[in-house]
Amino acid sequence: MPLVLNGNIHFGENKVQEADSKWTEVLEKKPQIRLHMIGKLQSNKAKKALQIFHYIHSLDSKKLADILSKCENELNKKLSYFIQVNVGNESQKSGILPNEIDQFYTYCSREKNLNIVGLMAIPPNDGNEDKHFQFLYEANASLGLKELSIGMSADYLIALKHSPTFLRIGSSIFGPRS
């Protein structure tokens, strides 16, 4: 892994099983690496995800928050979480709705004691990405959160105008998934 050898420490994966097979040995040798779960996390894979990842960018439901909180207690481990917001209210996408951000943040951080570090979104491809990123930036700031996970290979240049701390640009670096 040339990026690991050149000192990069943040890497994202879409699937728990794939991350487990690719990163377990690497993480043992390079404990400074921080692995990010950027894909949809199925609740039945939450415990395994907590054993592998340091960040989860796809916290999108109370059910998942409940399971992650329970698993953190069982494993005596704390992760950093991004709340996934469905900024375009698209039925095919996961995430909480924009009008639920404050309530969901309170639930996760206060009731479930999860370490919420920021918001994440994948905006609709409707030509209004700038507007969606600005909304998320403002919502993130209103909660006092320090991290913001926006921008992928197709829209990261637009996202950069809104101060993301994490960009998810895998296909531009590694090519399309096979």
N, C-alpha and C. Protein backbone atom coordinates (compact mmCIF):
# COMPACT_ATOMS: atom_id res chain seq x y z
N MET A 1 0.84 -1.19 0.00
CA MET A 1 0.00 0.00 0.00
C MET A 1 0.88 1.24 0.00
N PRO A 2 1.11 1.80 -1.15
CA PRO A 2 2.00 2.95 -1.25
C PRO A 2 1.58 4.14 -0.39
N LEU A 3 0.28 4.39 -0.26
CA LEU A 3 -0.15 5.53 0.55
C LEU A 3 0.22 5.34 2.02
N VAL A 4 0.13 4.12 2.51
CA VAL A 4 0.52 3.82 3.90
C VAL A 4 2.02 4.04 4.06
N LEU A 5 2.78 3.57 3.12
CA LEU A 5 4.24 3.70 3.19
C LEU A 5 4.70 5.15 3.09
N ASN A 6 3.88 6.00 2.48
CA ASN A 6 4.23 7.42 2.35
C ASN A 6 3.67 8.29 3.46
N GLY A 7 3.17 7.67 4.54
CA GLY A 7 2.79 8.42 5.72
C GLY A 7 1.34 8.83 5.84
N ASN A 8 0.50 8.49 4.88
CA ASN A 8 -0.93 8.80 5.03
C ASN A 8 -1.50 7.95 6.15
N ILE A 9 -2.37 8.56 6.97
CA ILE A 9 -2.92 7.79 8.09
C ILE A 9 -4.44 7.65 8.05
N HIS A 10 -5.15 8.43 7.25
CA HIS A 10 -6.61 8.34 7.18
C HIS A 10 -7.03 7.61 5.91
N PHE A 11 -7.83 6.54 6.10
CA PHE A 11 -8.31 5.74 4.98
C PHE A 11 -9.77 5.38 5.21
N GLY A 12 -10.55 5.33 4.14
CA GLY A 12 -11.95 5.00 4.24
C GLY A 12 -12.26 3.68 3.55
N GLU A 13 -13.27 3.03 4.06
CA GLU A 13 -13.78 1.78 3.48
C GLU A 13 -15.30 1.82 3.49
N ASN A 14 -15.90 1.17 2.50
CA ASN A 14 -17.36 1.13 2.39
C ASN A 14 -17.99 -0.07 3.07
N LYS A 15 -17.23 -1.14 3.25
CA LYS A 15 -17.81 -2.39 3.75
C LYS A 15 -16.97 -2.94 4.91
N VAL A 16 -17.65 -3.41 5.93
CA VAL A 16 -16.99 -3.92 7.13
C VAL A 16 -16.13 -5.14 6.80
N GLN A 17 -16.68 -6.10 6.09
CA GLN A 17 -15.94 -7.33 5.79
C GLN A 17 -14.70 -7.04 4.95
N GLU A 18 -14.83 -6.15 3.98
CA GLU A 18 -13.70 -5.80 3.14
C GLU A 18 -12.61 -5.12 3.97
N ALA A 19 -13.01 -4.24 4.86
CA ALA A 19 -12.05 -3.56 5.73
C ALA A 19 -11.34 -4.56 6.64
N ASP A 20 -12.08 -5.50 7.16
CA ASP A 20 -11.50 -6.51 8.05
C ASP A 20 -10.41 -7.29 7.33
N SER A 21 -10.71 -7.73 6.09
CA SER A 21 -9.73 -8.53 5.37
C SER A 21 -8.53 -7.70 4.90
N LYS A 22 -8.73 -6.43 4.58
CA LYS A 22 -7.65 -5.60 4.05
C LYS A 22 -6.81 -4.93 5.14
N TRP A 23 -7.39 -4.62 6.29
CA TRP A 23 -6.73 -3.71 7.22
C TRP A 23 -6.29 -4.33 8.55
N THR A 24 -6.77 -5.49 8.92
CA THR A 24 -6.44 -6.04 10.24
C THR A 24 -4.93 -6.14 10.44
N GLU A 25 -4.25 -6.74 9.50
CA GLU A 25 -2.80 -6.91 9.62
C GLU A 25 -2.07 -5.56 9.55
N VAL A 26 -2.53 -4.69 8.67
CA VAL A 26 -1.91 -3.36 8.52
C VAL A 26 -2.04 -2.57 9.82
N LEU A 27 -3.23 -2.61 10.43
CA LEU A 27 -3.45 -1.87 11.68
C LEU A 27 -2.59 -2.39 12.82
N GLU A 28 -2.31 -3.68 12.82
CA GLU A 28 -1.42 -4.24 13.84
C GLU A 28 -0.01 -3.69 13.69
N LYS A 29 0.43 -3.52 12.46
CA LYS A 29 1.79 -3.02 12.20
C LYS A 29 1.87 -1.50 12.27
N LYS A 30 0.79 -0.82 11.95
CA LYS A 30 0.77 0.65 11.90
C LYS A 30 -0.42 1.17 12.71
N PRO A 31 -0.32 1.15 14.04
CA PRO A 31 -1.46 1.54 14.88
C PRO A 31 -1.85 3.01 14.76
N GLN A 32 -1.02 3.83 14.14
CA GLN A 32 -1.35 5.25 13.98
C GLN A 32 -2.40 5.49 12.89
N ILE A 33 -2.65 4.50 12.06
CA ILE A 33 -3.64 4.63 10.99
C ILE A 33 -5.03 4.76 11.60
N ARG A 34 -5.84 5.63 10.99
CA ARG A 34 -7.22 5.85 11.39
C ARG A 34 -8.11 5.42 10.24
N LEU A 35 -8.94 4.42 10.51
CA LEU A 35 -9.80 3.85 9.50
C LEU A 35 -11.22 4.39 9.65
N HIS A 36 -11.79 4.82 8.52
CA HIS A 36 -13.11 5.45 8.48
C HIS A 36 -14.10 4.55 7.77
N MET A 37 -15.23 4.26 8.42
CA MET A 37 -16.34 3.56 7.76
C MET A 37 -17.16 4.62 7.06
N ILE A 38 -17.13 4.62 5.72
CA ILE A 38 -17.83 5.66 4.98
C ILE A 38 -19.08 5.14 4.27
N GLY A 39 -19.27 3.84 4.29
CA GLY A 39 -20.46 3.27 3.66
C GLY A 39 -21.58 3.09 4.67
N LYS A 40 -22.71 2.65 4.18
CA LYS A 40 -23.86 2.36 5.05
C LYS A 40 -23.48 1.25 6.01
N LEU A 41 -23.73 1.46 7.28
CA LEU A 41 -23.43 0.46 8.29
C LEU A 41 -24.70 -0.28 8.67
N GLN A 42 -24.71 -1.58 8.39
CA GLN A 42 -25.83 -2.42 8.78
C GLN A 42 -25.71 -2.72 10.27
N SER A 43 -26.82 -2.69 10.97
CA SER A 43 -26.79 -2.85 12.42
C SER A 43 -26.19 -4.20 12.85
N ASN A 44 -26.37 -5.25 12.04
CA ASN A 44 -25.81 -6.55 12.41
C ASN A 44 -24.28 -6.60 12.27
N LYS A 45 -23.69 -5.55 11.68
CA LYS A 45 -22.23 -5.49 11.54
C LYS A 45 -21.61 -4.43 12.45
N ALA A 46 -22.42 -3.84 13.31
CA ALA A 46 -21.95 -2.74 14.16
C ALA A 46 -20.82 -3.17 15.09
N LYS A 47 -20.95 -4.30 15.74
CA LYS A 47 -19.93 -4.73 16.69
C LYS A 47 -18.58 -4.95 15.99
N LYS A 48 -18.61 -5.59 14.85
CA LYS A 48 -17.38 -5.82 14.09
C LYS A 48 -16.80 -4.48 13.63
N ALA A 49 -17.66 -3.55 13.22
CA ALA A 49 -17.19 -2.23 12.80
C ALA A 49 -16.46 -1.52 13.94
N LEU A 50 -16.97 -1.64 15.16
CA LEU A 50 -16.31 -1.00 16.30
C LEU A 50 -14.94 -1.61 16.57
N GLN A 51 -14.75 -2.85 16.21
CA GLN A 51 -13.46 -3.49 16.42
C GLN A 51 -12.42 -3.04 15.40
N ILE A 52 -12.86 -2.57 14.24
CA ILE A 52 -11.94 -2.23 13.15
C ILE A 52 -11.74 -0.73 12.99
N PHE A 53 -12.84 0.01 13.00
CA PHE A 53 -12.82 1.42 12.61
C PHE A 53 -12.56 2.36 13.79
N HIS A 54 -12.15 3.58 13.43
CA HIS A 54 -11.97 4.67 14.39
C HIS A 54 -13.05 5.73 14.22
N TYR A 55 -13.56 5.85 12.99
CA TYR A 55 -14.62 6.80 12.65
C TYR A 55 -15.71 6.08 11.89
N ILE A 56 -16.94 6.50 12.13
CA ILE A 56 -18.06 6.03 11.32
C ILE A 56 -18.77 7.27 10.79
N HIS A 57 -18.86 7.36 9.45
CA HIS A 57 -19.42 8.54 8.79
C HIS A 57 -20.90 8.36 8.46
N SER A 58 -21.51 7.28 8.87
CA SER A 58 -22.87 6.97 8.40
C SER A 58 -23.84 6.63 9.53
N LEU A 59 -23.79 7.39 10.62
CA LEU A 59 -24.76 7.22 11.70
C LEU A 59 -26.06 7.85 11.23
N ASP A 60 -27.07 7.02 10.99
CA ASP A 60 -28.25 7.51 10.29
C ASP A 60 -29.59 7.12 10.91
N SER A 61 -29.59 6.55 12.11
CA SER A 61 -30.88 6.17 12.72
C SER A 61 -30.71 5.96 14.22
N LYS A 62 -31.83 6.10 14.94
CA LYS A 62 -31.82 5.84 16.38
C LYS A 62 -31.48 4.37 16.65
N LYS A 63 -32.00 3.48 15.82
CA LYS A 63 -31.70 2.06 15.98
C LYS A 63 -30.19 1.81 15.94
N LEU A 64 -29.52 2.41 14.96
CA LEU A 64 -28.07 2.23 14.85
C LEU A 64 -27.36 2.89 16.03
N ALA A 65 -27.82 4.06 16.45
CA ALA A 65 -27.22 4.73 17.61
C ALA A 65 -27.34 3.86 18.86
N ASP A 66 -28.49 3.24 19.05
CA ASP A 66 -28.70 2.36 20.21
C ASP A 66 -27.72 1.19 20.19
N ILE A 67 -27.58 0.58 19.02
CA ILE A 67 -26.70 -0.59 18.88
C ILE A 67 -25.24 -0.18 19.07
N LEU A 68 -24.82 0.93 18.48
CA LEU A 68 -23.43 1.37 18.61
C LEU A 68 -23.11 1.71 20.07
N SER A 69 -24.03 2.36 20.76
CA SER A 69 -23.82 2.69 22.17
C SER A 69 -23.66 1.42 23.00
N LYS A 70 -24.51 0.45 22.75
CA LYS A 70 -24.44 -0.83 23.46
C LYS A 70 -23.10 -1.53 23.17
N CYS A 71 -22.70 -1.56 21.91
CA CYS A 71 -21.44 -2.21 21.53
C CYS A 71 -20.23 -1.48 22.12
N GLU A 72 -20.28 -0.15 22.14
CA GLU A 72 -19.18 0.59 22.77
C GLU A 72 -19.03 0.19 24.23
N ASN A 73 -20.14 0.07 24.93
CA ASN A 73 -20.09 -0.34 26.34
C ASN A 73 -19.54 -1.75 26.49
N GLU A 74 -19.98 -2.67 25.64
CA GLU A 74 -19.51 -4.05 25.70
C GLU A 74 -18.01 -4.15 25.42
N LEU A 75 -17.54 -3.38 24.45
CA LEU A 75 -16.14 -3.46 24.04
C LEU A 75 -15.25 -2.46 24.78
N ASN A 76 -15.86 -1.59 25.59
CA ASN A 76 -15.13 -0.54 26.30
C ASN A 76 -14.26 0.26 25.32
N LYS A 77 -14.91 0.73 24.26
CA LYS A 77 -14.22 1.45 23.19
C LYS A 77 -15.09 2.61 22.73
N LYS A 78 -14.46 3.75 22.44
CA LYS A 78 -15.17 4.92 21.93
C LYS A 78 -14.68 5.23 20.52
N LEU A 79 -15.63 5.48 19.63
CA LEU A 79 -15.33 5.89 18.27
C LEU A 79 -15.78 7.33 18.07
N SER A 80 -15.44 7.88 16.93
CA SER A 80 -15.92 9.20 16.53
C SER A 80 -16.94 9.00 15.42
N TYR A 81 -18.05 9.76 15.51
CA TYR A 81 -19.17 9.55 14.59
C TYR A 81 -19.55 10.83 13.85
N PHE A 82 -19.97 10.63 12.60
CA PHE A 82 -20.58 11.67 11.80
C PHE A 82 -22.05 11.28 11.62
N ILE A 83 -22.93 12.22 11.85
CA ILE A 83 -24.35 11.99 11.58
C ILE A 83 -24.58 12.21 10.09
N GLN A 84 -25.14 11.21 9.44
CA GLN A 84 -25.43 11.33 8.01
C GLN A 84 -26.77 12.02 7.83
N VAL A 85 -26.74 13.10 7.05
CA VAL A 85 -27.94 13.90 6.80
C VAL A 85 -28.35 13.72 5.33
N ASN A 86 -29.59 13.41 5.13
CA ASN A 86 -30.15 13.27 3.79
C ASN A 86 -30.63 14.65 3.34
N VAL A 87 -29.67 15.49 2.90
CA VAL A 87 -29.96 16.89 2.61
C VAL A 87 -30.96 17.10 1.48
N GLY A 88 -31.09 16.13 0.60
CA GLY A 88 -32.02 16.25 -0.52
C GLY A 88 -33.32 15.51 -0.31
N ASN A 89 -33.50 14.93 0.89
CA ASN A 89 -34.72 14.17 1.19
C ASN A 89 -34.99 13.14 0.09
N GLU A 90 -33.94 12.41 -0.30
CA GLU A 90 -34.05 11.42 -1.37
C GLU A 90 -34.39 10.05 -0.78
N SER A 91 -35.42 9.43 -1.31
CA SER A 91 -35.89 8.16 -0.76
C SER A 91 -34.85 7.04 -0.89
N GLN A 92 -33.98 7.10 -1.88
CA GLN A 92 -33.00 6.04 -2.08
C GLN A 92 -31.75 6.20 -1.20
N LYS A 93 -31.66 7.31 -0.48
CA LYS A 93 -30.47 7.57 0.34
C LYS A 93 -30.79 7.48 1.82
N SER A 94 -29.80 7.07 2.57
CA SER A 94 -29.92 7.01 4.02
C SER A 94 -29.66 8.38 4.61
N GLY A 95 -29.92 8.49 5.88
CA GLY A 95 -29.63 9.72 6.60
C GLY A 95 -30.87 10.31 7.23
N ILE A 96 -30.63 11.09 8.27
CA ILE A 96 -31.75 11.77 8.90
C ILE A 96 -32.12 13.00 8.07
N LEU A 97 -33.33 13.45 8.22
CA LEU A 97 -33.78 14.62 7.47
C LEU A 97 -33.22 15.89 8.11
N PRO A 98 -33.05 16.94 7.32
CA PRO A 98 -32.47 18.18 7.84
C PRO A 98 -33.19 18.73 9.08
N ASN A 99 -34.51 18.62 9.13
CA ASN A 99 -35.23 19.16 10.29
C ASN A 99 -35.10 18.29 11.54
N GLU A 100 -34.41 17.16 11.45
CA GLU A 100 -34.21 16.26 12.59
C GLU A 100 -32.81 16.36 13.19
N ILE A 101 -31.96 17.21 12.62
CA ILE A 101 -30.55 17.24 13.04
C ILE A 101 -30.39 17.52 14.52
N ASP A 102 -30.98 18.59 15.02
CA ASP A 102 -30.79 18.97 16.42
C ASP A 102 -31.26 17.87 17.38
N GLN A 103 -32.45 17.36 17.13
CA GLN A 103 -33.01 16.33 18.00
C GLN A 103 -32.16 15.05 17.96
N PHE A 104 -31.74 14.65 16.77
CA PHE A 104 -30.95 13.43 16.64
C PHE A 104 -29.57 13.60 17.27
N TYR A 105 -28.97 14.76 17.08
CA TYR A 105 -27.67 15.04 17.71
C TYR A 105 -27.79 14.93 19.23
N THR A 106 -28.82 15.53 19.80
CA THR A 106 -29.03 15.47 21.26
C THR A 106 -29.21 14.03 21.72
N TYR A 107 -30.01 13.28 20.98
CA TYR A 107 -30.23 11.88 21.33
C TYR A 107 -28.92 11.10 21.35
N CYS A 108 -28.14 11.26 20.28
CA CYS A 108 -26.90 10.49 20.16
C CYS A 108 -25.86 10.91 21.19
N SER A 109 -25.68 12.20 21.35
CA SER A 109 -24.60 12.69 22.22
C SER A 109 -24.96 12.64 23.69
N ARG A 110 -26.19 13.00 24.04
CA ARG A 110 -26.56 13.06 25.46
C ARG A 110 -27.14 11.76 25.98
N GLU A 111 -28.09 11.20 25.24
CA GLU A 111 -28.75 9.98 25.73
C GLU A 111 -27.91 8.73 25.48
N LYS A 112 -27.20 8.68 24.38
CA LYS A 112 -26.43 7.48 24.03
C LYS A 112 -24.93 7.65 24.26
N ASN A 113 -24.51 8.85 24.63
CA ASN A 113 -23.11 9.13 24.96
C ASN A 113 -22.15 8.78 23.81
N LEU A 114 -22.60 9.02 22.58
CA LEU A 114 -21.74 8.79 21.42
C LEU A 114 -20.95 10.07 21.13
N ASN A 115 -19.73 9.91 20.69
CA ASN A 115 -18.85 11.03 20.39
C ASN A 115 -19.13 11.52 18.97
N ILE A 116 -20.09 12.44 18.87
CA ILE A 116 -20.45 13.00 17.57
C ILE A 116 -19.47 14.13 17.25
N VAL A 117 -18.71 13.96 16.17
CA VAL A 117 -17.69 14.95 15.81
C VAL A 117 -18.11 15.84 14.65
N GLY A 118 -19.15 15.43 13.89
CA GLY A 118 -19.54 16.23 12.75
C GLY A 118 -20.72 15.65 12.00
N LEU A 119 -21.06 16.33 10.92
CA LEU A 119 -22.13 15.90 10.03
C LEU A 119 -21.52 15.43 8.71
N MET A 120 -22.27 14.59 8.00
CA MET A 120 -21.86 14.07 6.70
C MET A 120 -23.07 14.08 5.78
N ALA A 121 -22.83 14.33 4.51
CA ALA A 121 -23.92 14.25 3.53
C ALA A 121 -23.38 13.92 2.16
N ILE A 122 -24.24 13.30 1.38
CA ILE A 122 -24.02 13.07 -0.04
C ILE A 122 -25.18 13.79 -0.73
N PRO A 123 -24.92 14.99 -1.26
CA PRO A 123 -26.04 15.77 -1.82
C PRO A 123 -26.57 15.16 -3.11
N PRO A 124 -27.81 15.51 -3.44
CA PRO A 124 -28.34 15.05 -4.73
C PRO A 124 -27.55 15.68 -5.87
N ASN A 125 -27.51 14.99 -6.97
CA ASN A 125 -26.84 15.51 -8.17
C ASN A 125 -27.85 16.36 -8.94
N ASP A 126 -28.19 17.51 -8.33
CA ASP A 126 -29.24 18.35 -8.90
C ASP A 126 -28.75 19.74 -9.30
N GLY A 127 -27.41 19.91 -9.32
CA GLY A 127 -26.86 21.20 -9.65
C GLY A 127 -26.84 22.19 -8.49
N ASN A 128 -27.35 21.76 -7.33
CA ASN A 128 -27.40 22.63 -6.15
C ASN A 128 -26.47 22.15 -5.04
N GLU A 129 -25.39 21.46 -5.41
CA GLU A 129 -24.49 20.92 -4.41
C GLU A 129 -23.97 22.02 -3.48
N ASP A 130 -23.66 23.19 -4.05
CA ASP A 130 -23.16 24.31 -3.27
C ASP A 130 -24.13 24.67 -2.15
N LYS A 131 -25.40 24.75 -2.48
CA LYS A 131 -26.45 25.08 -1.50
C LYS A 131 -26.53 24.01 -0.41
N HIS A 132 -26.47 22.74 -0.80
CA HIS A 132 -26.56 21.65 0.17
C HIS A 132 -25.34 21.65 1.09
N PHE A 133 -24.14 21.86 0.53
CA PHE A 133 -22.93 21.90 1.35
C PHE A 133 -22.96 23.09 2.31
N GLN A 134 -23.46 24.24 1.85
CA GLN A 134 -23.56 25.41 2.71
C GLN A 134 -24.51 25.15 3.86
N PHE A 135 -25.65 24.51 3.57
CA PHE A 135 -26.59 24.16 4.63
C PHE A 135 -25.92 23.28 5.68
N LEU A 136 -25.20 22.25 5.22
CA LEU A 136 -24.56 21.33 6.16
C LEU A 136 -23.47 22.03 6.96
N TYR A 137 -22.71 22.89 6.31
CA TYR A 137 -21.68 23.66 7.00
C TYR A 137 -22.31 24.49 8.13
N GLU A 138 -23.41 25.16 7.84
CA GLU A 138 -24.08 25.99 8.84
C GLU A 138 -24.68 25.15 9.97
N ALA A 139 -25.28 24.03 9.62
CA ALA A 139 -25.85 23.14 10.64
C ALA A 139 -24.75 22.59 11.55
N ASN A 140 -23.62 22.22 10.96
CA ASN A 140 -22.47 21.71 11.70
C ASN A 140 -21.97 22.78 12.68
N ALA A 141 -21.83 24.00 12.19
CA ALA A 141 -21.34 25.10 13.02
C ALA A 141 -22.33 25.41 14.15
N SER A 142 -23.62 25.35 13.87
CA SER A 142 -24.62 25.66 14.91
C SER A 142 -24.57 24.67 16.06
N LEU A 143 -24.11 23.46 15.79
CA LEU A 143 -23.96 22.45 16.85
C LEU A 143 -22.59 22.53 17.52
N GLY A 144 -21.71 23.36 16.99
CA GLY A 144 -20.36 23.48 17.54
C GLY A 144 -19.47 22.30 17.21
N LEU A 145 -19.77 21.60 16.13
CA LEU A 145 -18.99 20.43 15.75
C LEU A 145 -17.77 20.85 14.95
N LYS A 146 -16.67 20.13 15.13
CA LYS A 146 -15.38 20.52 14.54
C LYS A 146 -15.07 19.86 13.21
N GLU A 147 -15.71 18.74 12.91
CA GLU A 147 -15.41 17.98 11.69
C GLU A 147 -16.59 18.08 10.73
N LEU A 148 -16.30 18.00 9.44
CA LEU A 148 -17.34 18.03 8.43
C LEU A 148 -16.92 17.11 7.28
N SER A 149 -17.74 16.11 7.00
CA SER A 149 -17.44 15.11 5.97
C SER A 149 -18.35 15.34 4.77
N ILE A 150 -17.83 16.12 3.82
CA ILE A 150 -18.59 16.39 2.59
C ILE A 150 -17.63 16.33 1.41
N GLY A 151 -18.17 16.00 0.26
CA GLY A 151 -17.38 15.99 -0.96
C GLY A 151 -16.86 14.61 -1.32
N MET A 152 -17.14 14.23 -2.55
CA MET A 152 -16.64 12.98 -3.10
C MET A 152 -15.97 13.31 -4.43
N SER A 153 -15.54 12.30 -5.14
CA SER A 153 -14.77 12.53 -6.37
C SER A 153 -15.46 13.49 -7.34
N ALA A 154 -16.77 13.41 -7.48
CA ALA A 154 -17.48 14.23 -8.45
C ALA A 154 -17.72 15.66 -8.00
N ASP A 155 -17.70 15.92 -6.69
CA ASP A 155 -18.08 17.25 -6.21
C ASP A 155 -17.15 17.84 -5.15
N TYR A 156 -15.97 17.26 -4.98
CA TYR A 156 -15.09 17.73 -3.91
C TYR A 156 -14.62 19.17 -4.11
N LEU A 157 -14.50 19.63 -5.36
CA LEU A 157 -14.07 21.01 -5.58
C LEU A 157 -15.13 22.00 -5.09
N ILE A 158 -16.39 21.65 -5.23
CA ILE A 158 -17.47 22.47 -4.69
C ILE A 158 -17.46 22.39 -3.17
N ALA A 159 -17.27 21.19 -2.65
CA ALA A 159 -17.27 20.99 -1.19
C ALA A 159 -16.15 21.79 -0.53
N LEU A 160 -15.02 21.91 -1.19
CA LEU A 160 -13.87 22.62 -0.60
C LEU A 160 -14.20 24.06 -0.20
N LYS A 161 -15.18 24.66 -0.83
CA LYS A 161 -15.58 26.03 -0.50
C LYS A 161 -16.26 26.11 0.88
N HIS A 162 -16.60 24.95 1.45
CA HIS A 162 -17.38 24.91 2.69
C HIS A 162 -16.62 24.26 3.84
N SER A 163 -15.32 24.31 3.78
CA SER A 163 -14.42 23.92 4.88
C SER A 163 -14.59 22.49 5.38
N PRO A 164 -14.61 21.51 4.49
CA PRO A 164 -14.66 20.13 4.99
C PRO A 164 -13.36 19.76 5.69
N THR A 165 -13.45 18.89 6.65
CA THR A 165 -12.24 18.33 7.26
C THR A 165 -11.94 16.95 6.67
N PHE A 166 -12.95 16.33 6.07
CA PHE A 166 -12.76 15.05 5.40
C PHE A 166 -13.46 15.07 4.05
N LEU A 167 -12.73 14.69 3.01
CA LEU A 167 -13.26 14.48 1.67
C LEU A 167 -13.19 12.99 1.39
N ARG A 168 -14.19 12.45 0.73
CA ARG A 168 -14.22 11.02 0.41
C ARG A 168 -14.02 10.87 -1.10
N ILE A 169 -12.75 10.85 -1.52
CA ILE A 169 -12.44 10.89 -2.96
C ILE A 169 -11.73 9.63 -3.44
N GLY A 170 -12.19 8.50 -2.99
CA GLY A 170 -11.56 7.23 -3.32
C GLY A 170 -11.43 6.90 -4.79
N SER A 171 -12.51 7.04 -5.55
CA SER A 171 -12.44 6.62 -6.95
C SER A 171 -11.51 7.49 -7.77
N SER A 172 -11.30 8.74 -7.38
CA SER A 172 -10.34 9.59 -8.09
C SER A 172 -8.91 9.17 -7.80
N ILE A 173 -8.70 8.52 -6.68
CA ILE A 173 -7.35 8.06 -6.31
C ILE A 173 -7.13 6.61 -6.75
N PHE A 174 -8.10 5.75 -6.44
CA PHE A 174 -7.93 4.31 -6.65
C PHE A 174 -8.62 3.79 -7.90
N GLY A 175 -9.42 4.62 -8.55
CA GLY A 175 -10.18 4.16 -9.71
C GLY A 175 -11.52 3.61 -9.30
N PRO A 176 -12.38 3.31 -10.27
CA PRO A 176 -13.71 2.78 -9.94
C PRO A 176 -13.62 1.41 -9.30
N ARG A 177 -14.61 1.12 -8.46
CA ARG A 177 -14.69 -0.21 -7.81
C ARG A 177 -14.97 -1.25 -8.88
N SER A 178 -14.37 -2.40 -8.68
CA SER A 178 -14.63 -3.49 -9.65
C SER A 178 -15.81 -4.32 -9.22
